[in-house]
């Protein structure tokens, strides 16, 4: 492939970020075609692209997984896919392209480790998207994340979404982002976000094989979504709720936990079936409550807002009990619920359960002293704790100083 040099019109440095995700309600029930609610999590993955026009190399730097790799531009140019690529509607890599990516990454076809998959996702997007400018821009591509990997918080989707946004911006496949969000960063038009999301999904396919598309959609658009039987719908005007996110650091296999629920459902269908229906009703009620809390009209009615928080807290407690009944609880999660309940707060697991993460709802009027005490008690148990919010802005570009 001939790669002629062409001036890159974008700024010499591009900084983008994309949020993680948290499942609020509907874990496990969603496997049986029930509704679930997921929201963006304001723990973000940041990608900094620093272009070096005088260099002949491309470096990917992923400090969180202790990985730095450098390739010569000529080697990347040789791996560019042949034929026409629809840059606004990406497809999976062809067999030849995938073989070239594995060669560049130094990986085999059956690779499953995090570092190798992160390399493949970068190389796939870099070699595909740079066909737009018919050159391979040298530079340093540095991604770092506030999200712990493998905790069910959408860390790989945030990585893929940030990569897609950064590379598409660099190659001017998408327009310059417009307007500012809450953090004074700029985001893109709906049409351009669809392109980012499509590329992020293809990156996720390389990493996970057959992803649902939920994680990359939440990371791209932010806010919250409902999903049921493969259908994803955005929730309008949801509140940016404050939460504590707790990682028990107890490892679990999602596959094993899901299989355990399936076996229990097969043994006791008339008992487990109603539990799954109840979890779906919780998701439906949550959808309404979150949208009411996000409504500006509600902001002026403190009593209504208080009632909605009370409903939300009750849903959290009931959902956690139902998940325990499904058999996906764990003593570490019970410990989180017990500590927070002593201080009047409400918690549930998020994701697969059997360990992993929990979320704690924080009302706007919760005293700082209470939050600090709870955080300290959770940290003393050896857990990781983040004070963050849900309903965060989706993928965005850091505003450059004039």
Protein backbone atom coordinates (compact mmCIF):
# COMPACT_ATOMS: atom_id res chain seq x y z
CA UNK A 1 0.00 0.00 0.00
CA UNK A 2 1.42 3.35 -0.98
CA UNK A 3 1.11 5.85 1.84
CA UNK A 4 1.73 9.33 0.52
CA UNK A 5 2.35 12.04 3.09
CA UNK A 6 -0.51 14.45 3.52
CA UNK A 7 -0.71 17.31 5.95
CA UNK A 8 -2.84 16.47 8.97
CA UNK A 9 -5.14 19.42 9.58
CA UNK A 10 -5.96 18.60 13.20
CA UNK A 11 -4.18 20.12 16.19
CA UNK A 12 -0.80 18.60 17.15
CA UNK A 13 -2.38 17.38 20.39
CA UNK A 14 -5.84 15.87 20.83
CA UNK A 15 -7.22 14.91 24.24
CA UNK A 16 -10.47 12.96 24.53
CA UNK A 17 -12.17 11.11 27.37
CA UNK A 18 -14.95 8.53 27.62
CA UNK A 19 -16.88 7.33 30.69
CA UNK A 20 -17.35 3.85 32.10
CA UNK A 21 -20.72 2.31 32.84
CA UNK A 22 -22.58 0.85 35.75
CA UNK A 23 -25.69 -1.35 35.70
CA UNK A 24 -28.25 0.18 38.06
CA UNK A 25 -31.01 -2.42 37.89
CA UNK A 26 -31.78 -5.57 35.94
CA UNK A 27 -28.63 -7.67 36.35
CA UNK A 28 -29.24 -11.34 35.47
CA UNK A 29 -32.90 -10.70 34.60
CA UNK A 30 -31.67 -9.12 31.35
CA UNK A 31 -30.32 -12.54 30.28
CA UNK A 32 -33.96 -13.73 30.22
CA UNK A 33 -35.25 -10.88 28.04
CA UNK A 34 -36.16 -8.54 30.92
CA UNK A 35 -35.46 -4.79 30.97
CA UNK A 36 -32.30 -3.44 32.61
CA UNK A 37 -31.02 0.09 33.22
CA UNK A 38 -27.38 1.14 32.76
CA UNK A 39 -25.82 4.56 33.23
CA UNK A 40 -22.55 6.27 32.44
CA UNK A 41 -20.08 6.47 35.29
CA UNK A 42 -17.93 9.57 35.73
CA UNK A 43 -14.76 7.51 36.04
CA UNK A 44 -13.16 8.08 32.66
CA UNK A 45 -10.55 6.83 30.24
CA UNK A 46 -8.41 9.61 28.76
CA UNK A 47 -6.59 9.39 25.44
CA UNK A 48 -3.90 11.92 24.55
CA UNK A 49 -2.65 11.94 20.95
CA UNK A 50 0.59 13.88 20.54
CA UNK A 51 1.52 14.05 16.86
CA UNK A 52 5.24 14.10 15.97
CA UNK A 53 5.50 14.98 12.26
CA UNK A 54 9.31 14.65 12.24
CA UNK A 55 9.25 11.14 13.67
CA UNK A 56 8.95 7.84 11.80
CA UNK A 57 7.37 5.88 14.63
CA UNK A 58 4.05 5.36 16.39
CA UNK A 59 4.06 4.57 20.11
CA UNK A 60 1.10 3.24 22.11
CA UNK A 61 1.49 3.86 25.83
CA UNK A 62 -0.90 2.11 28.25
CA UNK A 63 0.59 2.63 31.73
CA UNK A 64 -2.35 1.05 33.60
CA UNK A 65 -1.52 -2.35 32.14
CA UNK A 66 2.26 -1.69 31.99
CA UNK A 67 2.39 -1.74 28.21
CA UNK A 68 4.36 0.41 25.76
CA UNK A 69 4.81 -0.62 22.13
CA UNK A 70 6.41 1.19 19.20
CA UNK A 71 6.03 0.49 15.48
CA UNK A 72 7.71 2.02 12.46
CA UNK A 73 5.33 3.98 10.24
CA UNK A 74 6.42 1.92 7.23
CA UNK A 75 5.35 -1.32 8.96
CA UNK A 76 1.94 0.14 9.83
CA UNK A 77 1.53 1.44 6.27
CA UNK A 78 2.11 -2.08 4.97
CA UNK A 79 -0.76 -3.33 7.14
CA UNK A 80 -3.38 -0.84 5.91
CA UNK A 81 -6.47 -2.66 4.62
CA UNK A 82 -6.94 -2.82 0.87
CA UNK A 83 -10.12 -1.90 -0.93
CA UNK A 84 -12.71 0.71 -0.07
CA UNK A 85 -13.53 1.32 3.59
CA UNK A 86 -16.74 3.07 4.60
CA UNK A 87 -15.34 5.21 7.40
CA UNK A 88 -18.80 6.12 8.68
CA UNK A 89 -20.06 2.50 8.71
CA UNK A 90 -17.15 0.30 9.75
CA UNK A 91 -16.99 -3.46 9.28
CA UNK A 92 -14.94 -6.09 11.11
CA UNK A 93 -11.42 -6.59 9.72
CA UNK A 94 -11.03 -9.02 6.82
CA UNK A 95 -9.07 -12.22 7.39
CA UNK A 96 -6.01 -10.70 5.65
CA UNK A 97 -6.24 -7.48 7.65
CA UNK A 98 -6.66 -9.39 10.92
CA UNK A 99 -3.62 -11.53 10.11
CA UNK A 100 -1.60 -8.36 9.51
CA UNK A 101 -2.79 -6.95 12.85
CA UNK A 102 -1.75 -10.13 14.69
CA UNK A 103 1.64 -9.92 13.01
CA UNK A 104 2.12 -6.30 14.15
CA UNK A 105 0.94 -7.14 17.69
CA UNK A 106 3.00 -10.33 17.87
CA UNK A 107 -0.08 -12.32 18.90
CA UNK A 108 -1.75 -15.55 17.86
CA UNK A 109 -5.31 -15.91 16.58
CA UNK A 110 -6.59 -17.34 19.89
CA UNK A 111 -5.23 -14.55 22.10
CA UNK A 112 -7.29 -13.65 25.20
CA UNK A 113 -5.03 -11.60 27.51
CA UNK A 114 -5.88 -7.95 28.18
CA UNK A 115 -2.65 -6.46 26.86
CA UNK A 116 -2.77 -8.27 23.52
CA UNK A 117 -6.44 -7.40 22.99
CA UNK A 118 -5.75 -3.73 23.77
CA UNK A 119 -2.98 -3.76 21.14
CA UNK A 120 -5.26 -5.35 18.53
CA UNK A 121 -8.07 -2.84 19.11
CA UNK A 122 -5.64 0.07 18.68
CA UNK A 123 -3.98 -1.39 15.57
CA UNK A 124 -7.35 -2.20 13.97
CA UNK A 125 -8.68 1.33 14.45
CA UNK A 126 -5.41 3.07 13.62
CA UNK A 127 -4.79 1.19 10.36
CA UNK A 128 -8.47 1.43 9.31
CA UNK A 129 -9.23 5.06 10.16
CA UNK A 130 -5.95 6.48 8.81
CA UNK A 131 -6.95 5.28 5.32
CA UNK A 132 -9.00 8.51 5.33
CA UNK A 133 -5.81 10.58 5.03
CA UNK A 134 -3.70 7.97 3.16
CA UNK A 135 -0.86 8.29 5.61
CA UNK A 136 0.14 6.93 9.01
CA UNK A 137 0.63 9.87 11.39
CA UNK A 138 3.64 9.34 13.66
CA UNK A 139 3.25 10.25 17.30
CA UNK A 140 2.54 9.08 20.82
CA UNK A 141 -0.88 7.68 21.74
CA UNK A 142 -1.25 7.61 25.53
CA UNK A 143 -4.35 6.11 27.21
CA UNK A 144 -4.90 6.07 30.97
CA UNK A 145 -8.01 5.21 32.95
CA UNK A 146 -9.69 5.78 36.30
CA UNK A 147 -11.60 2.52 35.70
CA UNK A 148 -10.31 -0.76 37.14
CA UNK A 149 -10.11 -3.42 34.40
CA UNK A 150 -12.22 -6.55 34.63
CA UNK A 151 -14.63 -5.11 37.21
CA UNK A 152 -17.70 -4.95 34.96
CA UNK A 153 -17.45 -1.16 34.65
CA UNK A 154 -16.98 -0.93 30.89
CA UNK A 155 -13.23 -0.22 30.91
CA UNK A 156 -12.62 -1.81 27.49
CA UNK A 157 -15.56 0.07 25.94
CA UNK A 158 -14.31 3.39 27.35
CA UNK A 159 -10.88 2.61 25.84
CA UNK A 160 -12.38 1.76 22.44
CA UNK A 161 -14.67 4.80 22.48
CA UNK A 162 -11.82 7.17 23.34
CA UNK A 163 -9.63 5.59 20.64
CA UNK A 164 -12.38 5.92 18.04
CA UNK A 165 -13.09 9.56 18.91
CA UNK A 166 -9.41 10.53 18.99
CA UNK A 167 -8.46 8.82 15.73
CA UNK A 168 -11.59 9.97 13.85
CA UNK A 169 -10.90 13.55 15.01
CA UNK A 170 -7.23 13.32 14.06
CA UNK A 171 -8.14 12.19 10.54
CA UNK A 172 -11.05 14.65 10.30
CA UNK A 173 -13.56 11.92 9.51
CA UNK A 174 -15.81 13.69 12.04
CA UNK A 175 -16.29 17.42 12.50
CA UNK A 176 -14.75 19.51 15.23
CA UNK A 177 -16.79 19.07 18.41
CA UNK A 178 -19.12 21.89 19.33
CA UNK A 179 -20.40 23.37 22.59
CA UNK A 180 -19.35 22.71 26.16
CA UNK A 181 -20.58 20.15 28.65
CA UNK A 182 -20.52 20.36 32.46
CA UNK A 183 -16.73 19.91 32.51
CA UNK A 184 -16.14 22.60 29.86
CA UNK A 185 -15.28 19.96 27.27
CA UNK A 186 -16.77 19.81 23.79
CA UNK A 187 -18.74 16.98 22.25
CA UNK A 188 -19.92 16.01 18.78
CA UNK A 189 -23.15 16.06 16.79
CA UNK A 190 -25.49 13.10 17.00
CA UNK A 191 -24.39 11.94 13.52
CA UNK A 192 -20.72 12.01 14.47
CA UNK A 193 -21.43 10.25 17.77
CA UNK A 194 -23.07 7.45 15.78
CA UNK A 195 -19.83 7.04 13.81
CA UNK A 196 -17.75 7.00 17.02
CA UNK A 197 -20.11 4.42 18.51
CA UNK A 198 -19.91 2.20 15.43
CA UNK A 199 -16.10 2.12 15.54
CA UNK A 200 -16.08 1.59 19.31
CA UNK A 201 -18.41 -1.39 18.84
CA UNK A 202 -16.05 -2.94 16.28
CA UNK A 203 -13.17 -2.48 18.75
CA UNK A 204 -15.26 -4.18 21.44
CA UNK A 205 -15.95 -7.07 19.05
CA UNK A 206 -12.22 -7.65 18.69
CA UNK A 207 -11.86 -7.70 22.48
CA UNK A 208 -15.01 -9.56 23.55
CA UNK A 209 -16.14 -11.45 20.46
CA UNK A 210 -19.88 -10.90 20.76
CA UNK A 211 -20.61 -7.81 22.90
CA UNK A 212 -24.13 -6.47 23.43
CA UNK A 213 -23.24 -2.93 22.37
CA UNK A 214 -24.46 -1.58 25.71
CA UNK A 215 -21.08 -0.57 27.13
CA UNK A 216 -19.88 1.35 24.07
CA UNK A 217 -23.30 3.04 23.65
CA UNK A 218 -23.25 4.30 27.25
CA UNK A 219 -19.64 5.44 26.86
CA UNK A 220 -20.42 7.31 23.64
CA UNK A 221 -23.69 8.99 24.51
CA UNK A 222 -23.46 9.24 28.32
CA UNK A 223 -26.58 9.56 30.44
CA UNK A 224 -28.54 6.34 30.93
CA UNK A 225 -30.14 3.70 28.76
CA UNK A 226 -32.69 0.96 29.10
CA UNK A 227 -32.08 -2.27 27.24
CA UNK A 228 -34.23 -5.30 26.63
CA UNK A 229 -33.81 -8.21 24.21
CA UNK A 230 -31.11 -6.40 22.25
CA UNK A 231 -33.01 -3.11 21.97
CA UNK A 232 -31.22 -0.07 23.44
CA UNK A 233 -33.16 3.12 24.26
CA UNK A 234 -31.77 6.36 25.68
CA UNK A 235 -33.45 7.77 28.78
CA UNK A 236 -34.27 11.45 28.52
CA UNK A 237 -33.08 14.05 31.06
CA UNK A 238 -31.85 11.74 33.79
CA UNK A 239 -30.40 13.13 37.01
CA UNK A 240 -26.63 13.09 37.58
CA UNK A 241 -26.88 11.02 40.76
CA UNK A 242 -24.05 10.96 43.25
CA UNK A 243 -22.91 7.48 44.27
CA UNK A 244 -20.15 5.64 46.02
CA UNK A 245 -18.75 2.87 43.88
CA UNK A 246 -17.16 0.05 45.86
CA UNK A 247 -14.90 -2.64 44.42
CA UNK A 248 -14.75 -5.58 46.83
CA UNK A 249 -11.82 -6.91 44.78
CA UNK A 250 -13.30 -10.40 45.17
CA UNK A 251 -12.68 -12.05 41.77
CA UNK A 252 -15.54 -13.81 40.04
CA UNK A 253 -16.31 -15.38 36.69
CA UNK A 254 -19.37 -13.79 35.09
CA UNK A 255 -19.88 -16.97 33.08
CA UNK A 256 -19.94 -19.16 36.22
CA UNK A 257 -22.31 -16.80 38.09
CA UNK A 258 -24.73 -16.58 35.13
CA UNK A 259 -24.66 -20.37 34.77
CA UNK A 260 -25.53 -20.73 38.47
CA UNK A 261 -28.68 -18.64 38.00
CA UNK A 262 -29.62 -20.65 34.92
CA UNK A 263 -29.32 -23.93 36.83
CA UNK A 264 -31.41 -22.57 39.71
CA UNK A 265 -34.03 -21.35 37.23
CA UNK A 266 -34.11 -24.76 35.54
CA UNK A 267 -34.63 -26.50 38.91
CA UNK A 268 -37.18 -24.02 40.29
CA UNK A 269 -38.79 -22.15 37.38
CA UNK A 270 -42.02 -21.23 39.18
CA UNK A 271 -40.00 -19.64 42.01
CA UNK A 272 -37.18 -17.98 40.04
CA UNK A 273 -39.47 -16.73 37.24
CA UNK A 274 -41.41 -14.34 39.52
CA UNK A 275 -38.10 -13.03 40.96
CA UNK A 276 -36.94 -12.12 37.45
CA UNK A 277 -40.30 -10.45 36.74
CA UNK A 278 -39.98 -8.43 39.95
CA UNK A 279 -36.49 -7.28 38.95
CA UNK A 280 -37.89 -6.06 35.62
CA UNK A 281 -40.64 -4.12 37.41
CA UNK A 282 -37.92 -2.46 39.51
CA UNK A 283 -36.11 -1.43 36.28
CA UNK A 284 -39.34 0.04 34.88
CA UNK A 285 -40.01 2.01 38.07
CA UNK A 286 -36.39 3.18 38.19
CA UNK A 287 -36.67 4.47 34.61
CA UNK A 288 -39.57 6.72 35.60
CA UNK A 289 -37.96 7.89 38.86
CA UNK A 290 -34.62 8.77 37.25
CA UNK A 291 -36.35 10.85 34.59
CA UNK A 292 -38.48 12.64 37.19
CA UNK A 293 -35.37 13.40 39.24
CA UNK A 294 -33.75 14.83 36.10
CA UNK A 295 -36.72 17.03 35.28
CA UNK A 296 -36.22 20.75 35.94
CA UNK A 297 -39.81 20.96 37.17
CA UNK A 298 -38.99 18.52 39.96
CA UNK A 299 -36.01 20.62 41.08
CA UNK A 300 -38.47 23.21 42.37
CA UNK A 301 -40.41 20.66 44.40
CA UNK A 302 -38.11 19.37 47.12
CA UNK A 303 -40.80 17.15 48.61
CA UNK A 304 -41.27 15.36 45.27
CA UNK A 305 -37.52 14.96 44.88
CA UNK A 306 -37.28 13.54 48.40
CA UNK A 307 -40.06 11.06 47.63
CA UNK A 308 -38.29 9.94 44.47
CA UNK A 309 -35.03 9.37 46.35
CA UNK A 310 -36.97 7.32 48.93
CA UNK A 311 -38.44 5.18 46.12
CA UNK A 312 -34.98 4.77 44.56
CA UNK A 313 -33.48 3.68 47.88
CA UNK A 314 -36.30 1.18 48.44
CA UNK A 315 -35.77 -0.24 44.94
CA UNK A 316 -32.05 -0.65 45.69
CA UNK A 317 -32.81 -2.62 48.88
CA UNK A 318 -35.43 -4.85 47.25
CA UNK A 319 -33.27 -5.50 44.18
CA UNK A 320 -30.32 -6.53 46.36
CA UNK A 321 -32.54 -8.97 48.26
CA UNK A 322 -33.84 -10.46 45.00
CA UNK A 323 -30.28 -10.85 43.69
CA UNK A 324 -29.35 -12.67 46.91
CA UNK A 325 -32.34 -14.95 46.33
CA UNK A 326 -31.01 -15.70 42.84
CA UNK A 327 -27.78 -16.84 44.50
CA UNK A 328 -25.45 -14.13 43.18
CA UNK A 329 -24.62 -12.44 46.48
CA UNK A 330 -21.37 -12.73 48.42
CA UNK A 331 -20.30 -12.05 52.04
CA UNK A 332 -18.19 -9.10 50.84
CA UNK A 333 -21.28 -7.51 49.26
CA UNK A 334 -23.29 -8.19 52.44
CA UNK A 335 -20.53 -6.34 54.31
CA UNK A 336 -20.88 -3.30 52.03
CA UNK A 337 -24.67 -3.26 52.54
CA UNK A 338 -24.30 -3.65 56.31
CA UNK A 339 -21.75 -0.82 56.69
CA UNK A 340 -23.74 1.61 54.55
CA UNK A 341 -27.08 0.71 56.19
CA UNK A 342 -25.65 1.60 59.62
CA UNK A 343 -25.28 5.14 58.31
CA UNK A 344 -28.68 5.31 56.61
CA UNK A 345 -27.39 4.62 53.08
CA UNK A 346 -28.63 2.02 50.59
CA UNK A 347 -26.46 -0.33 48.49
CA UNK A 348 -26.69 -3.10 45.93
CA UNK A 349 -24.29 -5.12 43.82
CA UNK A 350 -23.77 -4.00 40.24
CA UNK A 351 -22.87 -6.39 37.44
CA UNK A 352 -22.52 -10.14 37.81
CA UNK A 353 -22.27 -10.28 41.61
CA UNK A 354 -20.48 -13.06 43.45
CA UNK A 355 -18.03 -10.35 44.52
CA UNK A 356 -17.08 -7.55 42.15
CA UNK A 357 -18.61 -4.10 42.65
CA UNK A 358 -21.44 -2.45 44.57
CA UNK A 359 -23.01 1.00 44.32
CA UNK A 360 -24.25 3.18 47.16
CA UNK A 361 -26.91 5.87 46.54
CA UNK A 362 -26.00 9.28 47.99
CA UNK A 363 -28.76 11.85 48.40
CA UNK A 364 -27.81 15.48 47.60
CA UNK A 365 -28.32 16.45 51.27
CA UNK A 366 -26.17 13.64 52.73
CA UNK A 367 -23.69 15.14 55.21
CA UNK A 368 -20.03 15.11 54.14
CA UNK A 369 -19.13 13.60 57.52
CA UNK A 370 -21.38 10.60 56.85
CA UNK A 371 -19.84 10.02 53.41
CA UNK A 372 -16.29 10.30 54.80
CA UNK A 373 -17.06 7.87 57.65
CA UNK A 374 -18.60 5.31 55.30
CA UNK A 375 -15.67 5.59 52.89
CA UNK A 376 -13.19 5.06 55.71
CA UNK A 377 -15.03 1.98 57.02
CA UNK A 378 -15.18 0.48 53.53
CA UNK A 379 -11.49 1.21 52.88
CA UNK A 380 -10.64 -0.40 56.24
CA UNK A 381 -12.24 -3.61 54.89
CA UNK A 382 -9.71 -3.58 52.05
CA UNK A 383 -12.21 -2.40 49.42
CA UNK A 384 -11.55 0.30 46.80
CA UNK A 385 -13.99 3.23 46.97
CA UNK A 386 -14.73 6.04 44.52
CA UNK A 387 -17.02 9.00 45.13
CA UNK A 388 -18.44 9.72 41.70
CA UNK A 389 -21.70 10.22 39.82
CA UNK A 390 -23.85 8.46 37.25
CA UNK A 391 -25.45 10.07 34.21
CA UNK A 392 -22.11 11.63 33.26
CA UNK A 393 -21.37 13.22 29.88
CA UNK A 394 -20.44 10.80 27.13
CA UNK A 395 -17.29 10.91 25.03
CA UNK A 396 -15.89 14.43 24.77
CA UNK A 397 -12.84 16.36 23.66
CA UNK A 398 -10.88 18.57 26.00
CA UNK A 399 -11.20 22.19 24.97
CA UNK A 400 -7.92 23.52 23.65
CA UNK A 401 -6.79 26.96 24.81
CA UNK A 402 -7.06 29.61 22.12
